Each structure stands twice: as C-alpha cells, then as structure tokens.
Amino acid sequence: MKNFMKYWFFTIQKTAKRDTMSTEEVLPILHSHTAYFKELGKAGACLMAGPFADQKNNELGAGCYVLTAETEEEARKLADADPFCVHGIYEYKIWEWQKVVPE
C-alpha cells in the first residue's frame, strides 16, 4: 500500500563556510540551486521556494521551501541534493507541515 504525500517545510541558514566565500564564488552555486528547485517544481516535488526579503535580520534564516514527499527521509534526500547543501554553504531545518489552504 502506497503512503500518502506529506508536506515538509524547510528553512535554510548560511554556514560558516558561506561567510568565507565571495559573491563570485557563490553565484554559480546559486544558479544551480535555483535551477534545481525549478526542476523540483516542474516535477511536483516543490510547491514553493525562495529567499526571505530580509537577509540581514532574519531569525528563520535565508529562505524556505515546501516539498512534497511520502517520508521525511525522502524529503531530506531532496534537500540534501540542493547545490547549497552539497557545497556545504547552507544547511537546513525541517518540519512536517500540514497544508490547509487550498484544499
């Protein structure tokens, strides 16, 4: 029997490694990160993703995304494949999220 899809809310935070890198070094990784989430969106695995408007004084981190997956392990695999995480310049926090609207 197949499990039902669940929703997973992620926030991403800069790591100490990110602070040692220049914008020029990070830019190609950022482009890969954006392309990765656009592909997940086309596949239906990412419902939304993006940075927070306030990048200087934000308790949540730099951005967030909502993924769909049957299990937390599957959701973490998708997040771990994010180029930001692959390169170790961001890390994430994850919560199971209950979507109410739209039904």
N, C-alpha and C. Protein backbone atom coordinates (compact mmCIF):
# COMPACT_ATOMS: atom_id res chain seq x y z
N MET A 1 0.85 -1.19 0.00
CA MET A 1 0.00 0.00 0.00
C MET A 1 0.89 1.25 0.00
N LYS A 2 0.60 2.16 -0.88
CA LYS A 2 1.40 3.37 -1.02
C LYS A 2 1.00 4.40 0.04
N ASN A 3 2.02 5.04 0.61
CA ASN A 3 1.77 6.11 1.58
C ASN A 3 1.21 7.33 0.86
N PHE A 4 0.61 8.24 1.60
CA PHE A 4 0.13 9.49 1.01
C PHE A 4 1.22 10.54 1.12
N MET A 5 1.15 11.50 0.23
CA MET A 5 2.15 12.57 0.23
C MET A 5 1.97 13.46 1.45
N LYS A 6 3.09 13.83 2.02
CA LYS A 6 3.11 14.76 3.14
C LYS A 6 3.84 16.02 2.67
N TYR A 7 3.71 17.05 3.44
CA TYR A 7 4.37 18.32 3.13
C TYR A 7 5.46 18.57 4.15
N TRP A 8 6.58 19.12 3.67
CA TRP A 8 7.75 19.36 4.51
C TRP A 8 8.22 20.78 4.31
N PHE A 9 8.27 21.54 5.41
CA PHE A 9 8.70 22.94 5.39
C PHE A 9 10.15 22.99 5.81
N PHE A 10 10.97 23.65 5.00
CA PHE A 10 12.40 23.78 5.27
C PHE A 10 12.77 25.25 5.38
N THR A 11 13.68 25.55 6.27
CA THR A 11 14.36 26.84 6.26
C THR A 11 15.83 26.55 6.03
N ILE A 12 16.50 27.48 5.33
CA ILE A 12 17.94 27.30 5.11
C ILE A 12 18.69 28.44 5.77
N GLN A 13 19.85 28.06 6.32
CA GLN A 13 20.69 29.01 7.03
C GLN A 13 22.11 28.93 6.47
N LYS A 14 22.77 30.09 6.42
CA LYS A 14 24.16 30.12 5.98
C LYS A 14 25.03 29.36 6.97
N THR A 15 26.05 28.70 6.45
CA THR A 15 27.05 28.06 7.29
C THR A 15 28.26 28.98 7.39
N ALA A 16 29.17 28.64 8.27
CA ALA A 16 30.41 29.43 8.40
C ALA A 16 31.19 29.43 7.08
N LYS A 17 31.13 28.34 6.33
CA LYS A 17 31.83 28.26 5.05
C LYS A 17 31.34 29.33 4.09
N ARG A 18 30.02 29.60 4.09
CA ARG A 18 29.46 30.61 3.19
C ARG A 18 30.08 31.98 3.45
N ASP A 19 30.32 32.29 4.70
CA ASP A 19 30.88 33.59 5.06
C ASP A 19 32.32 33.77 4.58
N THR A 20 32.98 32.68 4.20
CA THR A 20 34.36 32.77 3.71
C THR A 20 34.43 32.90 2.19
N MET A 21 33.28 32.81 1.53
CA MET A 21 33.26 32.80 0.07
C MET A 21 32.79 34.14 -0.49
N SER A 22 33.36 34.51 -1.62
CA SER A 22 32.97 35.75 -2.29
C SER A 22 31.68 35.53 -3.08
N THR A 23 31.05 36.62 -3.45
CA THR A 23 29.85 36.55 -4.29
C THR A 23 30.16 35.84 -5.59
N GLU A 24 31.31 36.10 -6.17
CA GLU A 24 31.70 35.47 -7.44
C GLU A 24 31.80 33.95 -7.29
N GLU A 25 32.25 33.49 -6.14
CA GLU A 25 32.36 32.05 -5.90
C GLU A 25 30.98 31.42 -5.68
N VAL A 26 30.09 32.17 -5.06
CA VAL A 26 28.77 31.63 -4.72
C VAL A 26 27.80 31.70 -5.89
N LEU A 27 27.96 32.66 -6.77
CA LEU A 27 26.99 32.88 -7.86
C LEU A 27 26.70 31.62 -8.69
N PRO A 28 27.70 30.86 -9.15
CA PRO A 28 27.36 29.65 -9.91
C PRO A 28 26.57 28.63 -9.09
N ILE A 29 26.87 28.54 -7.79
CA ILE A 29 26.15 27.62 -6.92
C ILE A 29 24.71 28.10 -6.76
N LEU A 30 24.52 29.41 -6.63
CA LEU A 30 23.18 29.99 -6.53
C LEU A 30 22.36 29.66 -7.77
N HIS A 31 22.96 29.80 -8.95
CA HIS A 31 22.24 29.48 -10.19
C HIS A 31 21.85 28.01 -10.24
N SER A 32 22.75 27.13 -9.79
CA SER A 32 22.43 25.70 -9.74
C SER A 32 21.32 25.42 -8.72
N HIS A 33 21.38 26.09 -7.59
CA HIS A 33 20.36 25.96 -6.54
C HIS A 33 18.99 26.35 -7.09
N THR A 34 18.93 27.49 -7.76
CA THR A 34 17.66 27.98 -8.33
C THR A 34 17.14 27.00 -9.39
N ALA A 35 18.02 26.54 -10.27
CA ALA A 35 17.61 25.61 -11.32
C ALA A 35 17.11 24.30 -10.72
N TYR A 36 17.77 23.84 -9.67
CA TYR A 36 17.37 22.61 -9.01
C TYR A 36 15.93 22.71 -8.49
N PHE A 37 15.61 23.81 -7.81
CA PHE A 37 14.26 23.94 -7.27
C PHE A 37 13.22 24.18 -8.36
N LYS A 38 13.60 24.82 -9.44
CA LYS A 38 12.66 24.95 -10.56
C LYS A 38 12.33 23.59 -11.15
N GLU A 39 13.33 22.71 -11.25
CA GLU A 39 13.09 21.35 -11.75
C GLU A 39 12.21 20.57 -10.78
N LEU A 40 12.47 20.69 -9.48
CA LEU A 40 11.60 20.03 -8.50
C LEU A 40 10.17 20.55 -8.61
N GLY A 41 10.04 21.85 -8.87
CA GLY A 41 8.71 22.43 -9.05
C GLY A 41 7.99 21.84 -10.25
N LYS A 42 8.69 21.71 -11.37
CA LYS A 42 8.09 21.11 -12.58
C LYS A 42 7.67 19.67 -12.33
N ALA A 43 8.43 18.96 -11.49
CA ALA A 43 8.13 17.57 -11.18
C ALA A 43 7.05 17.42 -10.12
N GLY A 44 6.62 18.53 -9.52
CA GLY A 44 5.59 18.50 -8.49
C GLY A 44 6.11 18.21 -7.09
N ALA A 45 7.44 18.15 -6.92
CA ALA A 45 8.01 17.85 -5.61
C ALA A 45 8.25 19.10 -4.76
N CYS A 46 8.27 20.27 -5.39
CA CYS A 46 8.46 21.52 -4.65
C CYS A 46 7.27 22.43 -4.93
N LEU A 47 6.56 22.80 -3.88
CA LEU A 47 5.38 23.65 -4.03
C LEU A 47 5.75 25.12 -4.07
N MET A 48 6.78 25.50 -3.32
CA MET A 48 7.24 26.89 -3.31
C MET A 48 8.65 26.93 -2.75
N ALA A 49 9.39 27.94 -3.18
CA ALA A 49 10.76 28.11 -2.69
C ALA A 49 11.18 29.55 -2.93
N GLY A 50 12.00 30.07 -2.04
CA GLY A 50 12.52 31.41 -2.27
C GLY A 50 13.17 31.99 -1.03
N PRO A 51 13.90 33.09 -1.25
CA PRO A 51 14.59 33.74 -0.14
C PRO A 51 13.64 34.63 0.66
N PHE A 52 13.98 34.86 1.91
CA PHE A 52 13.27 35.85 2.70
C PHE A 52 13.72 37.23 2.25
N ALA A 53 12.82 38.19 2.28
CA ALA A 53 13.14 39.55 1.84
C ALA A 53 14.22 40.18 2.72
N ASP A 54 14.16 39.91 4.01
CA ASP A 54 15.12 40.48 4.97
C ASP A 54 16.27 39.49 5.16
N GLN A 55 17.39 39.74 4.54
CA GLN A 55 18.54 38.85 4.64
C GLN A 55 19.50 39.25 5.76
N LYS A 56 19.26 40.38 6.40
CA LYS A 56 20.18 40.86 7.44
C LYS A 56 19.71 40.55 8.85
N ASN A 57 18.42 40.57 9.08
CA ASN A 57 17.89 40.41 10.43
C ASN A 57 16.75 39.41 10.41
N ASN A 58 17.07 38.17 10.08
CA ASN A 58 16.02 37.19 9.93
C ASN A 58 16.31 35.98 10.82
N GLU A 59 15.47 35.76 11.79
CA GLU A 59 15.66 34.65 12.71
C GLU A 59 15.47 33.30 12.06
N LEU A 60 14.69 33.23 10.99
CA LEU A 60 14.42 31.95 10.34
C LEU A 60 15.58 31.48 9.47
N GLY A 61 16.34 32.39 8.92
CA GLY A 61 17.41 32.01 8.01
C GLY A 61 17.33 32.80 6.73
N ALA A 62 17.89 32.24 5.68
CA ALA A 62 17.98 32.94 4.41
C ALA A 62 16.79 32.71 3.49
N GLY A 63 16.12 31.57 3.62
CA GLY A 63 15.00 31.27 2.74
C GLY A 63 14.25 30.05 3.22
N CYS A 64 13.24 29.67 2.44
CA CYS A 64 12.45 28.50 2.80
C CYS A 64 11.91 27.83 1.55
N TYR A 65 11.49 26.60 1.72
CA TYR A 65 10.81 25.88 0.66
C TYR A 65 9.90 24.83 1.26
N VAL A 66 8.89 24.44 0.47
CA VAL A 66 7.96 23.40 0.87
C VAL A 66 8.05 22.29 -0.17
N LEU A 67 8.37 21.10 0.31
CA LEU A 67 8.48 19.93 -0.57
C LEU A 67 7.36 18.95 -0.26
N THR A 68 7.05 18.12 -1.23
CA THR A 68 6.13 17.01 -1.01
C THR A 68 6.94 15.72 -1.11
N ALA A 69 6.69 14.83 -0.19
CA ALA A 69 7.34 13.52 -0.18
C ALA A 69 6.56 12.62 0.76
N GLU A 70 6.66 11.32 0.53
CA GLU A 70 5.94 10.38 1.37
C GLU A 70 6.53 10.29 2.77
N THR A 71 7.86 10.45 2.87
CA THR A 71 8.52 10.30 4.15
C THR A 71 9.50 11.44 4.38
N GLU A 72 9.86 11.63 5.65
CA GLU A 72 10.87 12.63 5.96
C GLU A 72 12.21 12.27 5.31
N GLU A 73 12.53 10.99 5.28
CA GLU A 73 13.78 10.55 4.65
C GLU A 73 13.83 10.97 3.17
N GLU A 74 12.72 10.79 2.46
CA GLU A 74 12.67 11.20 1.05
C GLU A 74 12.82 12.71 0.92
N ALA A 75 12.16 13.45 1.80
CA ALA A 75 12.26 14.91 1.77
C ALA A 75 13.69 15.35 2.05
N ARG A 76 14.34 14.72 3.01
CA ARG A 76 15.73 15.06 3.33
C ARG A 76 16.66 14.75 2.15
N LYS A 77 16.41 13.68 1.43
CA LYS A 77 17.23 13.35 0.27
C LYS A 77 17.12 14.45 -0.78
N LEU A 78 15.92 14.97 -0.99
CA LEU A 78 15.74 16.07 -1.93
C LEU A 78 16.50 17.31 -1.45
N ALA A 79 16.39 17.61 -0.17
CA ALA A 79 17.08 18.78 0.39
C ALA A 79 18.59 18.60 0.36
N ASP A 80 19.06 17.40 0.65
CA ASP A 80 20.50 17.14 0.64
C ASP A 80 21.10 17.31 -0.74
N ALA A 81 20.29 17.14 -1.79
CA ALA A 81 20.77 17.28 -3.17
C ALA A 81 20.79 18.74 -3.63
N ASP A 82 20.26 19.65 -2.83
CA ASP A 82 20.31 21.08 -3.14
C ASP A 82 21.79 21.48 -3.26
N PRO A 83 22.20 22.11 -4.35
CA PRO A 83 23.60 22.52 -4.50
C PRO A 83 24.13 23.34 -3.32
N PHE A 84 23.30 24.13 -2.68
CA PHE A 84 23.75 24.87 -1.49
C PHE A 84 24.23 23.89 -0.41
N CYS A 85 23.49 22.80 -0.21
CA CYS A 85 23.86 21.81 0.81
C CYS A 85 25.02 20.95 0.33
N VAL A 86 25.01 20.58 -0.94
CA VAL A 86 26.10 19.77 -1.50
C VAL A 86 27.44 20.48 -1.30
N HIS A 87 27.45 21.79 -1.49
CA HIS A 87 28.68 22.57 -1.35
C HIS A 87 28.95 23.02 0.09
N GLY A 88 28.02 22.71 1.01
CA GLY A 88 28.23 23.00 2.42
C GLY A 88 28.15 24.47 2.80
N ILE A 89 27.46 25.28 1.96
CA ILE A 89 27.39 26.70 2.28
C ILE A 89 26.07 27.09 2.96
N TYR A 90 25.11 26.17 2.93
CA TYR A 90 23.86 26.33 3.68
C TYR A 90 23.50 25.00 4.27
N GLU A 91 22.76 25.06 5.36
CA GLU A 91 22.19 23.87 5.97
C GLU A 91 20.71 24.14 6.17
N TYR A 92 19.96 23.12 6.47
CA TYR A 92 18.51 23.31 6.60
C TYR A 92 17.99 22.77 7.92
N LYS A 93 16.79 23.26 8.24
CA LYS A 93 15.96 22.71 9.31
C LYS A 93 14.68 22.26 8.64
N ILE A 94 14.07 21.23 9.16
CA ILE A 94 12.89 20.64 8.53
C ILE A 94 11.77 20.43 9.55
N TRP A 95 10.55 20.67 9.10
CA TRP A 95 9.36 20.39 9.90
C TRP A 95 8.31 19.77 8.98
N GLU A 96 7.56 18.80 9.50
CA GLU A 96 6.40 18.33 8.74
C GLU A 96 5.36 19.43 8.81
N TRP A 97 4.73 19.71 7.69
CA TRP A 97 3.82 20.84 7.57
C TRP A 97 2.46 20.33 7.12
N GLN A 98 1.40 20.88 7.66
CA GLN A 98 0.05 20.49 7.28
C GLN A 98 -0.59 21.59 6.45
N LYS A 99 -0.79 21.29 5.20
CA LYS A 99 -1.40 22.25 4.29
C LYS A 99 -2.91 22.25 4.53
N VAL A 100 -3.47 23.44 4.71
CA VAL A 100 -4.91 23.59 4.92
C VAL A 100 -5.55 24.25 3.70
N VAL A 101 -4.91 25.28 3.18
CA VAL A 101 -5.45 26.03 2.04
C VAL A 101 -4.40 26.07 0.95
N PRO A 102 -4.71 25.84 -0.30
CA PRO A 102 -6.01 25.36 -0.77
C PRO A 102 -6.18 23.87 -0.48
N GLU A 103 -7.44 23.47 -0.44
CA GLU A 103 -7.76 22.06 -0.16
C GLU A 103 -7.44 21.21 -1.37
